[in-house]
């Protein structure tokens, strides 16, 4: 359990200390078999999409973000933020890849509205730009990780990873244009990476004329 100790501060700093207190909470290890989904979770549509891929990622990388829970009846804890992570952990346990009573790090909340906390977690997310994803995959590949391994670790198809890696060889100037949404990824998602490069030759030529 992590407990935050507040040390006495001068009067001028008291307001800042009190303001920070609201973002602090207790972190507790709680057995997986004591965690249950909360009915207050606001995510309803597509809630189960990608759970298998998320389970694979958790198995390889661990649980990067804690679950947020509140005490419930009969020694249970309701997960008010992290329902997909909980589903992925349960899937790992069901498939024998994780112990059913494994301790899961959880943020224990005692105040605040459950729907509000759930909504905050979902609306505050920012999807990673595909160009950043492309360059991140390239870094992994340059570090000696095979496309098949990258795919399995991040819940992607091997074809998708190979497409991203092919696009990583585009001109940096063209990637900058894509980063600014000058080019969309819709067409690229529908074609294999090799054939996707040809329609953009004129773009590459144009980008080569831009000042460095």
N, C-alpha and C. Protein backbone atom coordinates (compact mmCIF):
# COMPACT_ATOMS: atom_id res chain seq x y z
N UNK A 1 0.85 -1.18 0.00
CA UNK A 1 0.00 0.00 0.00
C UNK A 1 0.89 1.24 0.00
N UNK A 2 0.60 2.17 -0.86
CA UNK A 2 1.34 3.41 -0.91
C UNK A 2 0.55 4.49 -0.20
N UNK A 3 1.12 5.05 0.85
CA UNK A 3 0.45 6.09 1.61
C UNK A 3 1.21 7.39 1.43
N UNK A 4 0.50 8.44 1.08
CA UNK A 4 1.11 9.75 0.88
C UNK A 4 1.15 10.48 2.21
N UNK A 5 2.33 10.93 2.62
CA UNK A 5 2.49 11.69 3.85
C UNK A 5 2.59 13.16 3.53
N UNK A 6 1.72 13.97 4.12
CA UNK A 6 1.74 15.42 3.89
C UNK A 6 2.51 16.08 5.01
N UNK A 7 3.58 16.80 4.67
CA UNK A 7 4.43 17.47 5.65
C UNK A 7 3.96 18.91 5.79
N UNK A 8 4.00 19.43 6.99
CA UNK A 8 3.56 20.80 7.23
C UNK A 8 4.30 21.77 6.33
N UNK A 9 3.57 22.74 5.80
CA UNK A 9 4.15 23.70 4.88
C UNK A 9 3.74 25.10 5.29
N UNK A 10 4.50 26.11 4.84
CA UNK A 10 4.13 27.48 5.15
C UNK A 10 2.74 27.79 4.63
N UNK A 11 2.11 28.82 5.21
CA UNK A 11 0.74 29.17 4.84
C UNK A 11 0.60 29.44 3.37
N UNK A 12 1.63 30.04 2.76
CA UNK A 12 1.56 30.38 1.33
C UNK A 12 1.48 29.15 0.47
N UNK A 13 1.97 28.00 1.00
CA UNK A 13 1.98 26.76 0.20
C UNK A 13 0.79 25.87 0.53
N UNK A 14 0.05 26.19 1.57
CA UNK A 14 -1.05 25.34 2.02
C UNK A 14 -2.09 25.11 0.93
N UNK A 15 -2.45 26.16 0.20
CA UNK A 15 -3.46 26.04 -0.86
C UNK A 15 -3.02 25.05 -1.91
N UNK A 16 -1.72 25.08 -2.27
CA UNK A 16 -1.23 24.15 -3.28
C UNK A 16 -1.26 22.72 -2.78
N UNK A 17 -0.90 22.52 -1.51
CA UNK A 17 -0.93 21.17 -0.93
C UNK A 17 -2.34 20.63 -0.92
N UNK A 18 -3.32 21.47 -0.54
CA UNK A 18 -4.71 21.03 -0.50
C UNK A 18 -5.23 20.72 -1.90
N UNK A 19 -4.78 21.49 -2.88
CA UNK A 19 -5.22 21.25 -4.25
C UNK A 19 -4.69 19.93 -4.77
N UNK A 20 -3.45 19.59 -4.38
CA UNK A 20 -2.85 18.35 -4.85
C UNK A 20 -3.46 17.13 -4.16
N UNK A 21 -4.01 17.32 -2.96
CA UNK A 21 -4.53 16.19 -2.19
C UNK A 21 -5.62 15.45 -2.94
N UNK A 22 -6.38 16.13 -3.78
CA UNK A 22 -7.50 15.51 -4.47
C UNK A 22 -7.07 14.51 -5.54
N UNK A 23 -5.82 14.56 -5.98
CA UNK A 23 -5.37 13.63 -7.02
C UNK A 23 -4.62 12.44 -6.43
N UNK A 24 -4.49 12.41 -5.11
CA UNK A 24 -3.77 11.32 -4.47
C UNK A 24 -4.76 10.25 -4.01
N UNK A 25 -4.33 8.99 -4.09
CA UNK A 25 -5.21 7.90 -3.69
C UNK A 25 -4.36 6.72 -3.24
N UNK A 26 -5.01 5.78 -2.61
CA UNK A 26 -4.33 4.59 -2.12
C UNK A 26 -4.22 3.55 -3.23
N UNK A 27 -3.06 2.94 -3.34
CA UNK A 27 -2.86 1.84 -4.30
C UNK A 27 -2.78 0.54 -3.52
N UNK A 28 -3.66 -0.40 -3.84
CA UNK A 28 -3.70 -1.67 -3.12
C UNK A 28 -3.62 -2.84 -4.09
N UNK A 29 -2.91 -3.91 -3.71
CA UNK A 29 -2.95 -5.15 -4.50
C UNK A 29 -4.21 -5.92 -4.14
N UNK A 30 -5.03 -6.23 -5.10
CA UNK A 30 -6.30 -6.93 -4.85
C UNK A 30 -6.35 -8.16 -5.74
N UNK A 31 -6.78 -9.28 -5.18
CA UNK A 31 -6.86 -10.53 -5.93
C UNK A 31 -7.80 -10.38 -7.12
N UNK A 32 -7.40 -10.93 -8.24
CA UNK A 32 -8.21 -10.85 -9.45
C UNK A 32 -9.61 -11.40 -9.24
N UNK A 33 -9.73 -12.49 -8.48
CA UNK A 33 -11.04 -13.10 -8.29
C UNK A 33 -11.96 -12.31 -7.36
N UNK A 34 -11.48 -11.18 -6.85
CA UNK A 34 -12.32 -10.30 -6.03
C UNK A 34 -12.75 -9.05 -6.80
N UNK A 35 -12.33 -8.95 -8.05
CA UNK A 35 -12.65 -7.79 -8.87
C UNK A 35 -13.84 -8.09 -9.77
N UNK A 36 -14.80 -7.17 -9.81
CA UNK A 36 -15.99 -7.35 -10.65
C UNK A 36 -16.23 -6.05 -11.43
N UNK A 37 -16.82 -6.16 -12.62
CA UNK A 37 -17.11 -4.94 -13.40
C UNK A 37 -18.16 -4.09 -12.70
N UNK A 38 -18.03 -2.78 -12.85
CA UNK A 38 -19.02 -1.87 -12.27
C UNK A 38 -20.10 -1.56 -13.30
N UNK A 39 -21.36 -1.53 -12.84
CA UNK A 39 -22.45 -1.17 -13.73
C UNK A 39 -22.41 0.31 -14.10
N UNK A 40 -21.59 1.06 -13.36
CA UNK A 40 -21.48 2.50 -13.63
C UNK A 40 -20.53 2.82 -14.77
N UNK A 41 -19.83 1.79 -15.29
CA UNK A 41 -18.91 2.05 -16.39
C UNK A 41 -19.68 2.55 -17.60
N UNK A 42 -19.26 3.67 -18.16
CA UNK A 42 -20.03 4.31 -19.23
C UNK A 42 -19.76 3.72 -20.60
N UNK A 43 -18.70 2.94 -20.76
CA UNK A 43 -18.41 2.36 -22.08
C UNK A 43 -19.32 1.19 -22.33
N UNK A 44 -20.12 1.28 -23.38
CA UNK A 44 -21.06 0.22 -23.74
C UNK A 44 -20.75 -0.34 -25.14
N UNK A 45 -20.56 0.55 -26.11
CA UNK A 45 -20.32 0.13 -27.49
C UNK A 45 -18.85 -0.25 -27.66
N UNK A 46 -18.62 -1.38 -28.33
CA UNK A 46 -17.27 -1.86 -28.63
C UNK A 46 -16.44 -2.14 -27.37
N UNK A 47 -17.11 -2.40 -26.26
CA UNK A 47 -16.40 -2.61 -25.00
C UNK A 47 -15.54 -3.86 -25.02
N UNK A 48 -15.93 -4.85 -25.84
CA UNK A 48 -15.21 -6.13 -25.85
C UNK A 48 -14.25 -6.26 -27.03
N UNK A 49 -14.23 -5.26 -27.90
CA UNK A 49 -13.35 -5.35 -29.07
C UNK A 49 -11.89 -5.24 -28.65
N UNK A 50 -11.07 -6.14 -29.17
CA UNK A 50 -9.64 -6.09 -28.90
C UNK A 50 -9.21 -6.63 -27.55
N UNK A 51 -10.13 -7.28 -26.81
CA UNK A 51 -9.77 -7.79 -25.49
C UNK A 51 -8.71 -8.89 -25.60
N UNK A 52 -8.84 -9.75 -26.59
CA UNK A 52 -7.85 -10.82 -26.78
C UNK A 52 -6.47 -10.25 -27.04
N UNK A 53 -6.41 -9.22 -27.90
CA UNK A 53 -5.13 -8.58 -28.21
C UNK A 53 -4.57 -7.88 -26.97
N UNK A 54 -5.45 -7.25 -26.19
CA UNK A 54 -5.01 -6.59 -24.97
C UNK A 54 -4.47 -7.61 -23.97
N UNK A 55 -5.09 -8.78 -23.91
CA UNK A 55 -4.61 -9.85 -23.02
C UNK A 55 -3.20 -10.27 -23.41
N UNK A 56 -2.97 -10.41 -24.72
CA UNK A 56 -1.62 -10.78 -25.18
C UNK A 56 -0.60 -9.73 -24.78
N UNK A 57 -0.98 -8.45 -24.91
CA UNK A 57 -0.08 -7.37 -24.56
C UNK A 57 0.22 -7.36 -23.06
N UNK A 58 -0.81 -7.57 -22.24
CA UNK A 58 -0.61 -7.59 -20.79
C UNK A 58 0.30 -8.75 -20.39
N UNK A 59 0.13 -9.88 -21.07
CA UNK A 59 0.97 -11.04 -20.75
C UNK A 59 2.44 -10.74 -21.02
N UNK A 60 2.72 -9.97 -22.07
CA UNK A 60 4.10 -9.65 -22.43
C UNK A 60 4.65 -8.46 -21.64
N UNK A 61 3.85 -7.40 -21.55
CA UNK A 61 4.35 -6.15 -20.97
C UNK A 61 3.89 -5.90 -19.54
N UNK A 62 2.97 -6.71 -19.04
CA UNK A 62 2.43 -6.46 -17.72
C UNK A 62 1.29 -5.45 -17.78
N UNK A 63 0.71 -5.17 -16.63
CA UNK A 63 -0.39 -4.21 -16.54
C UNK A 63 0.22 -2.83 -16.36
N UNK A 64 0.22 -2.04 -17.43
CA UNK A 64 0.89 -0.74 -17.40
C UNK A 64 0.09 0.27 -16.58
N UNK A 65 -1.24 0.23 -16.71
CA UNK A 65 -2.09 1.18 -15.99
C UNK A 65 -2.93 0.42 -14.96
N UNK A 66 -2.92 0.90 -13.73
CA UNK A 66 -3.70 0.26 -12.68
C UNK A 66 -5.20 0.35 -12.97
N UNK A 67 -5.95 -0.59 -12.38
CA UNK A 67 -7.40 -0.50 -12.40
C UNK A 67 -7.83 0.49 -11.31
N UNK A 68 -8.96 1.13 -11.51
CA UNK A 68 -9.51 2.02 -10.49
C UNK A 68 -10.76 1.36 -9.93
N UNK A 69 -10.79 1.19 -8.60
CA UNK A 69 -11.85 0.39 -7.99
C UNK A 69 -12.48 1.12 -6.80
N UNK A 70 -13.63 0.58 -6.40
CA UNK A 70 -14.32 1.04 -5.20
C UNK A 70 -14.82 -0.20 -4.46
N UNK A 71 -14.78 -0.15 -3.11
CA UNK A 71 -15.22 -1.30 -2.33
C UNK A 71 -16.70 -1.60 -2.59
N UNK A 72 -16.99 -2.90 -2.70
CA UNK A 72 -18.37 -3.35 -2.91
C UNK A 72 -18.74 -4.31 -1.77
N UNK A 73 -19.84 -5.02 -1.95
CA UNK A 73 -20.30 -5.93 -0.91
C UNK A 73 -19.55 -7.27 -0.98
N UNK A 74 -19.58 -7.97 0.15
CA UNK A 74 -19.03 -9.34 0.25
C UNK A 74 -17.55 -9.40 -0.14
N UNK A 75 -16.79 -8.38 0.22
CA UNK A 75 -15.35 -8.40 -0.01
C UNK A 75 -14.94 -8.18 -1.44
N UNK A 76 -15.89 -7.80 -2.29
CA UNK A 76 -15.58 -7.54 -3.69
C UNK A 76 -15.18 -6.09 -3.90
N UNK A 77 -14.60 -5.85 -5.07
CA UNK A 77 -14.26 -4.49 -5.48
C UNK A 77 -14.77 -4.27 -6.90
N UNK A 78 -15.53 -3.20 -7.09
CA UNK A 78 -16.05 -2.89 -8.42
C UNK A 78 -15.01 -2.07 -9.19
N UNK A 79 -14.76 -2.48 -10.43
CA UNK A 79 -13.81 -1.76 -11.29
C UNK A 79 -14.58 -0.66 -12.01
N UNK A 80 -14.32 0.59 -11.64
CA UNK A 80 -15.04 1.71 -12.24
C UNK A 80 -14.28 2.34 -13.39
N UNK A 81 -13.00 2.00 -13.53
CA UNK A 81 -12.20 2.44 -14.68
C UNK A 81 -11.19 1.35 -14.98
N UNK A 82 -11.30 0.79 -16.20
CA UNK A 82 -10.40 -0.30 -16.58
C UNK A 82 -11.14 -1.59 -16.86
N UNK A 83 -12.38 -1.48 -17.36
CA UNK A 83 -13.18 -2.69 -17.59
C UNK A 83 -12.57 -3.59 -18.66
N UNK A 84 -11.96 -3.01 -19.71
CA UNK A 84 -11.34 -3.84 -20.75
C UNK A 84 -10.10 -4.53 -20.21
N UNK A 85 -9.34 -3.84 -19.37
CA UNK A 85 -8.18 -4.47 -18.75
C UNK A 85 -8.61 -5.62 -17.85
N UNK A 86 -9.71 -5.42 -17.12
CA UNK A 86 -10.24 -6.49 -16.27
C UNK A 86 -10.66 -7.68 -17.13
N UNK A 87 -11.36 -7.42 -18.23
CA UNK A 87 -11.79 -8.50 -19.13
C UNK A 87 -10.58 -9.25 -19.68
N UNK A 88 -9.51 -8.52 -20.01
CA UNK A 88 -8.30 -9.15 -20.54
C UNK A 88 -7.63 -10.01 -19.47
N UNK A 89 -7.58 -9.51 -18.25
CA UNK A 89 -6.99 -10.28 -17.15
C UNK A 89 -7.80 -11.55 -16.87
N UNK A 90 -9.12 -11.42 -16.92
CA UNK A 90 -9.97 -12.60 -16.72
C UNK A 90 -9.77 -13.62 -17.83
N UNK A 91 -9.58 -13.14 -19.04
CA UNK A 91 -9.34 -14.05 -20.16
C UNK A 91 -8.03 -14.81 -19.96
N UNK A 92 -7.00 -14.10 -19.50
CA UNK A 92 -5.71 -14.76 -19.22
C UNK A 92 -5.88 -15.84 -18.15
N UNK A 93 -6.68 -15.54 -17.12
CA UNK A 93 -6.91 -16.52 -16.06
C UNK A 93 -7.72 -17.70 -16.58
N UNK A 94 -8.72 -17.42 -17.41
CA UNK A 94 -9.56 -18.48 -17.97
C UNK A 94 -8.75 -19.43 -18.82
N UNK A 95 -7.77 -18.89 -19.54
CA UNK A 95 -6.94 -19.71 -20.42
C UNK A 95 -5.73 -20.31 -19.70
N UNK A 96 -5.67 -20.12 -18.39
CA UNK A 96 -4.58 -20.71 -17.62
C UNK A 96 -3.25 -19.99 -17.76
N UNK A 97 -3.28 -18.77 -18.27
CA UNK A 97 -2.04 -18.01 -18.46
C UNK A 97 -1.77 -17.09 -17.29
N UNK A 98 -2.69 -17.06 -16.33
CA UNK A 98 -2.56 -16.19 -15.17
C UNK A 98 -3.34 -16.82 -14.02
N UNK A 99 -2.81 -16.74 -12.82
CA UNK A 99 -3.49 -17.31 -11.65
C UNK A 99 -4.77 -16.51 -11.36
N UNK A 100 -5.82 -17.20 -10.97
CA UNK A 100 -7.10 -16.55 -10.71
C UNK A 100 -7.05 -15.63 -9.49
N UNK A 101 -6.09 -15.90 -8.59
CA UNK A 101 -6.00 -15.07 -7.38
C UNK A 101 -4.77 -14.16 -7.40
N UNK A 102 -4.23 -13.92 -8.59
CA UNK A 102 -3.06 -13.04 -8.70
C UNK A 102 -3.41 -11.64 -8.20
N UNK A 103 -2.46 -10.98 -7.53
CA UNK A 103 -2.69 -9.64 -7.00
C UNK A 103 -2.59 -8.61 -8.12
N UNK A 104 -3.61 -7.80 -8.26
CA UNK A 104 -3.68 -6.77 -9.30
C UNK A 104 -3.56 -5.39 -8.64
N UNK A 105 -2.62 -4.55 -9.08
CA UNK A 105 -2.51 -3.21 -8.49
C UNK A 105 -3.72 -2.36 -8.84
N UNK A 106 -4.37 -1.81 -7.84
CA UNK A 106 -5.60 -1.04 -8.06
C UNK A 106 -5.55 0.29 -7.32
N UNK A 107 -6.09 1.31 -7.96
CA UNK A 107 -6.28 2.59 -7.32
C UNK A 107 -7.61 2.56 -6.59
N UNK A 108 -7.58 2.66 -5.28
CA UNK A 108 -8.79 2.58 -4.47
C UNK A 108 -9.37 3.97 -4.28
N UNK A 109 -10.58 4.17 -4.78
CA UNK A 109 -11.25 5.47 -4.68
C UNK A 109 -12.36 5.38 -3.64
N UNK A 110 -12.46 6.40 -2.83
CA UNK A 110 -13.53 6.46 -1.82
C UNK A 110 -14.47 7.62 -2.06
N UNK A 111 -14.09 8.54 -2.95
CA UNK A 111 -14.92 9.70 -3.23
C UNK A 111 -15.10 9.84 -4.74
N UNK A 112 -16.07 10.68 -5.11
CA UNK A 112 -16.28 10.95 -6.52
C UNK A 112 -17.37 10.09 -7.13
N UNK A 113 -17.93 10.56 -8.24
CA UNK A 113 -18.98 9.85 -8.94
C UNK A 113 -18.39 8.76 -9.83
N UNK A 114 -18.90 7.54 -9.71
CA UNK A 114 -18.39 6.44 -10.53
C UNK A 114 -18.54 6.71 -12.02
N UNK A 115 -19.74 7.11 -12.51
CA UNK A 115 -19.86 7.39 -13.94
C UNK A 115 -18.92 8.51 -14.38
N UNK A 116 -18.71 9.49 -13.51
CA UNK A 116 -17.83 10.61 -13.86
C UNK A 116 -16.39 10.14 -14.02
N UNK A 117 -15.93 9.28 -13.12
CA UNK A 117 -14.57 8.76 -13.20
C UNK A 117 -14.41 7.91 -14.45
N UNK A 118 -15.40 7.06 -14.73
CA UNK A 118 -15.36 6.22 -15.92
C UNK A 118 -15.34 7.06 -17.18
N UNK A 119 -16.18 8.09 -17.21
CA UNK A 119 -16.24 8.98 -18.38
C UNK A 119 -14.93 9.72 -18.55
N UNK A 120 -14.35 10.19 -17.45
CA UNK A 120 -13.09 10.93 -17.52
C UNK A 120 -11.99 10.07 -18.15
N UNK A 121 -11.93 8.79 -17.75
CA UNK A 121 -10.89 7.92 -18.29
C UNK A 121 -11.05 7.73 -19.80
N UNK A 122 -12.29 7.63 -20.25
CA UNK A 122 -12.55 7.35 -21.66
C UNK A 122 -12.40 8.57 -22.55
N UNK A 123 -12.88 9.72 -22.10
CA UNK A 123 -12.84 10.90 -22.97
C UNK A 123 -11.49 11.58 -22.97
N UNK A 124 -10.65 11.31 -21.97
CA UNK A 124 -9.34 11.95 -21.90
C UNK A 124 -8.30 11.23 -22.75
N UNK A 125 -8.66 10.12 -23.34
CA UNK A 125 -7.70 9.37 -24.16
C UNK A 125 -7.43 10.10 -25.47
N UNK A 126 -6.20 9.99 -25.93
CA UNK A 126 -5.83 10.54 -27.23
C UNK A 126 -5.22 9.41 -28.04
N UNK A 127 -5.84 9.09 -29.15
CA UNK A 127 -5.36 7.99 -29.98
C UNK A 127 -3.99 8.33 -30.56
N UNK A 128 -3.08 7.39 -30.52
CA UNK A 128 -1.74 7.60 -31.06
C UNK A 128 -1.81 7.80 -32.57
N UNK A 129 -1.12 8.83 -33.06
CA UNK A 129 -1.13 9.08 -34.50
C UNK A 129 -0.42 7.94 -35.22
N UNK A 130 -0.92 7.57 -36.38
CA UNK A 130 -0.39 6.42 -37.10
C UNK A 130 1.07 6.62 -37.49
N UNK A 131 1.49 7.86 -37.75
CA UNK A 131 2.90 8.09 -38.09
C UNK A 131 3.79 7.78 -36.89
N UNK A 132 3.36 8.17 -35.70
CA UNK A 132 4.12 7.83 -34.50
C UNK A 132 4.21 6.32 -34.33
N UNK A 133 3.10 5.64 -34.66
CA UNK A 133 3.09 4.17 -34.59
C UNK A 133 4.07 3.58 -35.59
N UNK A 134 4.07 4.13 -36.80
CA UNK A 134 4.99 3.65 -37.85
C UNK A 134 6.43 3.77 -37.40
N UNK A 135 6.80 4.93 -36.86
CA UNK A 135 8.18 5.16 -36.46
C UNK A 135 8.56 4.34 -35.22
N UNK A 136 7.58 4.08 -34.34
CA UNK A 136 7.85 3.25 -33.17
C UNK A 136 8.12 1.81 -33.59
N UNK A 137 7.34 1.30 -34.55
CA UNK A 137 7.59 -0.04 -35.06
C UNK A 137 8.97 -0.12 -35.72
N UNK A 138 9.34 0.94 -36.42
CA UNK A 138 10.66 0.95 -37.06
C UNK A 138 11.77 0.86 -36.02
N UNK A 139 11.60 1.57 -34.91
CA UNK A 139 12.61 1.51 -33.85
C UNK A 139 12.75 0.09 -33.31
N UNK A 140 11.61 -0.58 -33.12
CA UNK A 140 11.65 -1.96 -32.63
C UNK A 140 12.32 -2.87 -33.64
N UNK A 141 11.99 -2.69 -34.92
CA UNK A 141 12.59 -3.52 -35.97
C UNK A 141 14.09 -3.29 -36.06
N UNK A 142 14.50 -2.02 -35.95
CA UNK A 142 15.93 -1.71 -36.01
C UNK A 142 16.66 -2.27 -34.79
N UNK A 143 15.91 -2.52 -33.72
CA UNK A 143 16.51 -3.13 -32.53
C UNK A 143 16.58 -4.64 -32.61
N UNK A 144 16.17 -5.18 -33.76
CA UNK A 144 16.30 -6.62 -33.98
C UNK A 144 15.06 -7.44 -33.71
N UNK A 145 13.91 -6.78 -33.49
CA UNK A 145 12.68 -7.51 -33.23
C UNK A 145 11.96 -7.79 -34.55
N UNK A 146 11.64 -9.04 -34.79
CA UNK A 146 11.00 -9.45 -36.05
C UNK A 146 9.56 -8.94 -36.11
N UNK A 147 9.04 -8.70 -37.33
CA UNK A 147 7.65 -8.25 -37.47
C UNK A 147 6.66 -9.19 -36.80
N UNK A 148 6.91 -10.49 -36.89
CA UNK A 148 6.00 -11.46 -36.27
C UNK A 148 5.95 -11.26 -34.75
N UNK A 149 7.11 -10.98 -34.15
CA UNK A 149 7.17 -10.77 -32.70
C UNK A 149 6.48 -9.47 -32.32
N UNK A 150 6.70 -8.42 -33.11
CA UNK A 150 6.04 -7.14 -32.85
C UNK A 150 4.52 -7.32 -32.90
N UNK A 151 4.07 -8.06 -33.91
CA UNK A 151 2.64 -8.28 -34.08
C UNK A 151 2.04 -8.99 -32.87
N UNK A 152 2.71 -10.04 -32.40
CA UNK A 152 2.19 -10.81 -31.27
C UNK A 152 2.21 -10.02 -29.97
N UNK A 153 3.20 -9.16 -29.82
CA UNK A 153 3.31 -8.39 -28.57
C UNK A 153 2.30 -7.27 -28.47
N UNK A 154 1.87 -6.75 -29.63
CA UNK A 154 0.99 -5.60 -29.60
C UNK A 154 -0.40 -5.88 -30.18
N UNK A 155 -0.72 -7.17 -30.36
CA UNK A 155 -2.06 -7.52 -30.79
C UNK A 155 -2.40 -7.05 -32.19
N UNK A 156 -1.41 -6.99 -33.09
CA UNK A 156 -1.62 -6.58 -34.47
C UNK A 156 -1.40 -7.77 -35.39
N UNK A 157 -1.94 -7.67 -36.61
CA UNK A 157 -1.65 -8.72 -37.59
C UNK A 157 -0.26 -8.47 -38.15
N UNK A 158 0.37 -9.54 -38.61
CA UNK A 158 1.71 -9.41 -39.19
C UNK A 158 1.66 -8.52 -40.43
N UNK A 159 0.57 -8.62 -41.19
CA UNK A 159 0.42 -7.79 -42.40
C UNK A 159 0.42 -6.31 -42.02
N UNK A 160 -0.33 -5.96 -40.97
CA UNK A 160 -0.39 -4.56 -40.53
C UNK A 160 0.99 -4.06 -40.13
N UNK A 161 1.73 -4.87 -39.37
CA UNK A 161 3.06 -4.46 -38.95
C UNK A 161 3.99 -4.29 -40.15
N UNK A 162 3.92 -5.21 -41.10
CA UNK A 162 4.77 -5.09 -42.29
C UNK A 162 4.40 -3.85 -43.10
N UNK A 163 3.11 -3.54 -43.16
CA UNK A 163 2.68 -2.31 -43.85
C UNK A 163 3.29 -1.08 -43.18
N UNK A 164 3.21 -1.05 -41.86
CA UNK A 164 3.76 0.08 -41.13
C UNK A 164 5.26 0.20 -41.37
N UNK A 165 5.94 -0.92 -41.35
CA UNK A 165 7.40 -0.89 -41.53
C UNK A 165 7.78 -0.45 -42.94
N UNK A 166 6.97 -0.81 -43.93
CA UNK A 166 7.23 -0.36 -45.29
C UNK A 166 7.04 1.16 -45.39
N UNK A 167 5.98 1.65 -44.76
CA UNK A 167 5.72 3.09 -44.79
C UNK A 167 6.79 3.87 -44.03
N UNK A 168 7.49 3.21 -43.13
CA UNK A 168 8.55 3.88 -42.37
C UNK A 168 9.70 4.32 -43.27
N UNK A 169 9.76 3.76 -44.49
CA UNK A 169 10.84 4.12 -45.43
C UNK A 169 10.46 5.30 -46.32
N UNK A 170 9.26 5.83 -46.14
CA UNK A 170 8.88 7.01 -46.90
C UNK A 170 9.74 8.21 -46.50
N UNK A 171 9.77 9.21 -47.36
CA UNK A 171 10.50 10.43 -47.06
C UNK A 171 10.02 11.03 -45.74
N UNK A 172 10.94 11.48 -44.89
CA UNK A 172 10.54 12.14 -43.64
C UNK A 172 9.61 13.32 -43.89
N UNK A 173 9.82 14.01 -45.02
CA UNK A 173 8.96 15.16 -45.35
C UNK A 173 7.54 14.70 -45.66
N UNK A 174 7.42 13.56 -46.32
CA UNK A 174 6.09 13.02 -46.60
C UNK A 174 5.42 12.56 -45.31
N UNK A 175 6.19 11.96 -44.42
CA UNK A 175 5.64 11.55 -43.13
C UNK A 175 5.16 12.76 -42.34
N UNK A 176 5.87 13.87 -42.48
CA UNK A 176 5.44 15.09 -41.79
C UNK A 176 4.10 15.58 -42.35
N UNK A 177 3.91 15.45 -43.67
CA UNK A 177 2.64 15.82 -44.28
C UNK A 177 1.53 14.92 -43.75
N UNK A 178 1.81 13.61 -43.67
CA UNK A 178 0.83 12.66 -43.13
C UNK A 178 0.52 12.99 -41.68
N UNK A 179 1.52 13.43 -40.94
CA UNK A 179 1.34 13.76 -39.53
C UNK A 179 0.36 14.92 -39.36
N UNK A 180 0.37 15.81 -40.36
CA UNK A 180 -0.53 16.96 -40.33
C UNK A 180 -1.85 16.66 -41.03
N UNK A 181 -2.08 15.36 -41.32
CA UNK A 181 -3.31 14.90 -41.97
C UNK A 181 -3.43 15.41 -43.40
N UNK A 182 -2.28 15.71 -44.01
CA UNK A 182 -2.30 16.07 -45.42
C UNK A 182 -2.60 14.85 -46.27
N UNK A 183 -2.28 13.66 -45.76
CA UNK A 183 -2.62 12.40 -46.40
C UNK A 183 -3.38 11.57 -45.39
N UNK A 184 -4.41 10.91 -45.80
CA UNK A 184 -5.17 10.06 -44.89
C UNK A 184 -4.67 8.63 -44.99
N UNK A 185 -4.97 7.84 -43.96
CA UNK A 185 -4.53 6.45 -43.94
C UNK A 185 -5.60 5.51 -44.48
N UNK A 186 -6.76 6.01 -44.88
CA UNK A 186 -7.82 5.13 -45.33
C UNK A 186 -7.40 4.25 -46.48
N UNK A 187 -6.82 4.85 -47.52
CA UNK A 187 -6.41 4.07 -48.68
C UNK A 187 -5.30 3.12 -48.32
N UNK A 188 -4.40 3.55 -47.47
CA UNK A 188 -3.27 2.71 -47.09
C UNK A 188 -3.71 1.49 -46.30
N UNK A 189 -4.82 1.64 -45.57
CA UNK A 189 -5.31 0.50 -44.81
C UNK A 189 -5.96 -0.54 -45.72
N UNK A 190 -6.33 -0.16 -46.92
CA UNK A 190 -7.04 -1.09 -47.80
C UNK A 190 -6.10 -1.82 -48.76
N UNK A 191 -4.85 -1.43 -48.82
CA UNK A 191 -3.94 -2.03 -49.78
C UNK A 191 -2.69 -2.53 -49.08
N UNK A 192 -1.99 -3.42 -49.74
CA UNK A 192 -0.73 -3.91 -49.20
C UNK A 192 0.30 -2.79 -49.29
N UNK A 193 1.28 -2.86 -48.40
CA UNK A 193 2.22 -1.75 -48.29
C UNK A 193 2.98 -1.49 -49.59
N UNK A 194 3.40 -2.54 -50.27
CA UNK A 194 4.17 -2.32 -51.50
C UNK A 194 3.40 -1.55 -52.55
N UNK A 195 2.12 -1.91 -52.75
CA UNK A 195 1.32 -1.22 -53.75
C UNK A 195 0.90 0.16 -53.29
N UNK A 196 0.95 0.40 -51.96
CA UNK A 196 0.53 1.69 -51.45
C UNK A 196 1.55 2.78 -51.76
N UNK A 197 2.78 2.41 -51.99
CA UNK A 197 3.80 3.42 -52.22
C UNK A 197 3.66 4.08 -53.59
N UNK A 198 3.22 3.33 -54.59
CA UNK A 198 3.19 3.85 -55.96
C UNK A 198 2.27 5.05 -56.13
N UNK A 199 1.04 5.04 -55.56
CA UNK A 199 0.16 6.20 -55.77
C UNK A 199 0.72 7.50 -55.19
N UNK A 200 1.72 7.38 -54.31
CA UNK A 200 2.23 8.59 -53.66
C UNK A 200 3.58 9.04 -54.21
N UNK A 201 3.97 8.51 -55.39
CA UNK A 201 5.26 8.91 -55.96
C UNK A 201 5.29 10.41 -56.25
N UNK A 202 4.17 10.94 -56.73
CA UNK A 202 4.14 12.37 -57.02
C UNK A 202 4.29 13.18 -55.73
N UNK A 203 3.72 12.65 -54.64
CA UNK A 203 3.87 13.33 -53.37
C UNK A 203 5.32 13.31 -52.92
N UNK A 204 5.97 12.17 -53.06
CA UNK A 204 7.36 12.06 -52.66
C UNK A 204 8.22 13.01 -53.47
N UNK A 205 7.94 13.08 -54.78
CA UNK A 205 8.69 14.02 -55.62
C UNK A 205 8.47 15.45 -55.20
N UNK A 206 7.22 15.76 -54.86
CA UNK A 206 6.93 17.11 -54.42
C UNK A 206 7.64 17.43 -53.11
N UNK A 207 7.62 16.46 -52.19
CA UNK A 207 8.25 16.69 -50.89
C UNK A 207 9.76 16.88 -51.02
N UNK A 208 10.37 16.26 -52.04
CA UNK A 208 11.81 16.39 -52.20
C UNK A 208 12.19 17.81 -52.61
N UNK A 209 11.22 18.60 -53.08
CA UNK A 209 11.51 19.98 -53.48
C UNK A 209 11.38 20.94 -52.31
N UNK A 210 10.85 20.44 -51.17
CA UNK A 210 10.66 21.33 -50.03
C UNK A 210 11.99 21.67 -49.40
N UNK A 211 12.14 22.87 -48.86
CA UNK A 211 13.40 23.24 -48.18
C UNK A 211 13.58 22.42 -46.93
N UNK A 212 14.81 22.13 -46.60
CA UNK A 212 15.10 21.31 -45.43
C UNK A 212 14.91 22.16 -44.17
